[in-house]
Structure formats: C-alpha cells, structure tokens
C-alpha cells in the first residue's frame, strides 16, 4: 500500500481480547499506520491533518480493521 508502513503481527491483542478477522476468522494480521478517511479532508486538501490510527490487515483475506485510538 502506497505510503503506509506495514509490520507483521502474528497475533493481536486489544483490551485483553485477541483480534480475529470479522470476515474470515483468521488471527494473523499486518499492522499499518493509517489516517481517517473523510471525504472533506480530501476536498479541502488537508488530509495531513486527519486523525491517525492503526489498522490491522488480515493476512488471509485482506479485510482491514481500523482503530483510531492509541493501542
């Protein structure tokens, strides 16, 4: 993915609960730094000010799970 840093994560635990893919149930992910996708950030050309978050991309099906708080 262009401009995103990816880290391999074998298992992810958030608030003492293991993350499982909502689509396929897989437990292995790649961690990505991401920005909140809001149409008006792009329209106003201020995407650099969008809130940052963390996303975990399922290594099996590619479903992207986004979190917008410090994990």
Protein backbone atom coordinates (compact mmCIF):
# COMPACT_ATOMS: atom_id res chain seq x y z
CA UNK A 1 0.00 0.00 0.00
CA UNK A 2 1.40 3.30 -1.06
CA UNK A 3 2.84 5.44 1.73
CA UNK A 4 1.89 3.05 4.53
CA UNK A 5 4.38 1.25 6.74
CA UNK A 6 3.50 -2.42 7.30
CA UNK A 7 4.67 -4.61 10.19
CA UNK A 8 3.99 -8.34 10.52
CA UNK A 9 1.88 -9.26 13.54
CA UNK A 10 1.28 -12.93 14.31
CA UNK A 11 -1.47 -12.29 16.86
CA UNK A 12 -3.04 -9.03 18.01
CA UNK A 13 -4.50 -8.46 21.48
CA UNK A 14 -6.60 -5.36 22.18
CA UNK A 15 -8.08 -4.76 25.65
CA UNK A 16 -7.14 -8.33 26.65
CA UNK A 17 -9.07 -9.78 23.70
CA UNK A 18 -7.46 -11.45 20.67
CA UNK A 19 -8.37 -9.79 17.37
CA UNK A 20 -9.97 -12.15 14.88
CA UNK A 21 -10.87 -11.14 11.34
CA UNK A 22 -14.53 -10.15 11.14
CA UNK A 23 -14.77 -11.64 7.65
CA UNK A 24 -12.88 -14.95 7.74
CA UNK A 25 -11.96 -15.53 11.42
CA UNK A 26 -8.19 -15.54 10.80
CA UNK A 27 -5.88 -14.41 13.63
CA UNK A 28 -2.80 -13.23 11.69
CA UNK A 29 -2.50 -9.61 10.58
CA UNK A 30 -0.19 -6.98 9.19
CA UNK A 31 -0.10 -3.74 11.18
CA UNK A 32 -0.40 -0.47 9.22
CA UNK A 33 -0.36 3.17 10.29
CA UNK A 34 -3.37 4.86 8.73
CA UNK A 35 -5.34 8.10 8.62
CA UNK A 36 -9.08 8.52 8.99
CA UNK A 37 -10.66 8.59 5.54
CA UNK A 38 -13.01 11.55 5.45
CA UNK A 39 -14.17 12.93 2.11
CA UNK A 40 -14.00 16.54 3.27
CA UNK A 41 -10.30 16.21 4.26
CA UNK A 42 -9.57 15.39 0.60
CA UNK A 43 -11.92 18.05 -0.76
CA UNK A 44 -10.22 20.75 1.34
CA UNK A 45 -6.75 19.26 0.63
CA UNK A 46 -5.97 18.98 4.36
CA UNK A 47 -5.51 15.19 4.57
CA UNK A 48 -2.27 15.68 6.53
CA UNK A 49 -4.40 16.89 9.48
CA UNK A 50 -6.67 13.82 9.52
CA UNK A 51 -6.64 11.81 12.76
CA UNK A 52 -4.11 8.97 12.74
CA UNK A 53 -4.84 5.42 13.75
CA UNK A 54 -3.72 1.84 13.47
CA UNK A 55 -5.09 -0.73 11.06
CA UNK A 56 -4.66 -4.48 11.03
CA UNK A 57 -4.97 -6.16 7.63
CA UNK A 58 -5.93 -9.82 7.65
CA UNK A 59 -3.18 -11.91 6.11
CA UNK A 60 -5.74 -14.39 4.79
CA UNK A 61 -8.46 -12.30 3.11
CA UNK A 62 -7.16 -8.70 3.24
CA UNK A 63 -10.01 -7.26 5.33
CA UNK A 64 -8.86 -4.03 7.02
CA UNK A 65 -9.70 -3.47 10.71
CA UNK A 66 -9.16 0.19 11.74
CA UNK A 67 -8.73 1.65 15.24
CA UNK A 68 -8.45 5.37 15.92
CA UNK A 69 -7.03 5.47 19.43
CA UNK A 70 -3.67 4.54 20.89
CA UNK A 71 -3.28 0.77 21.07
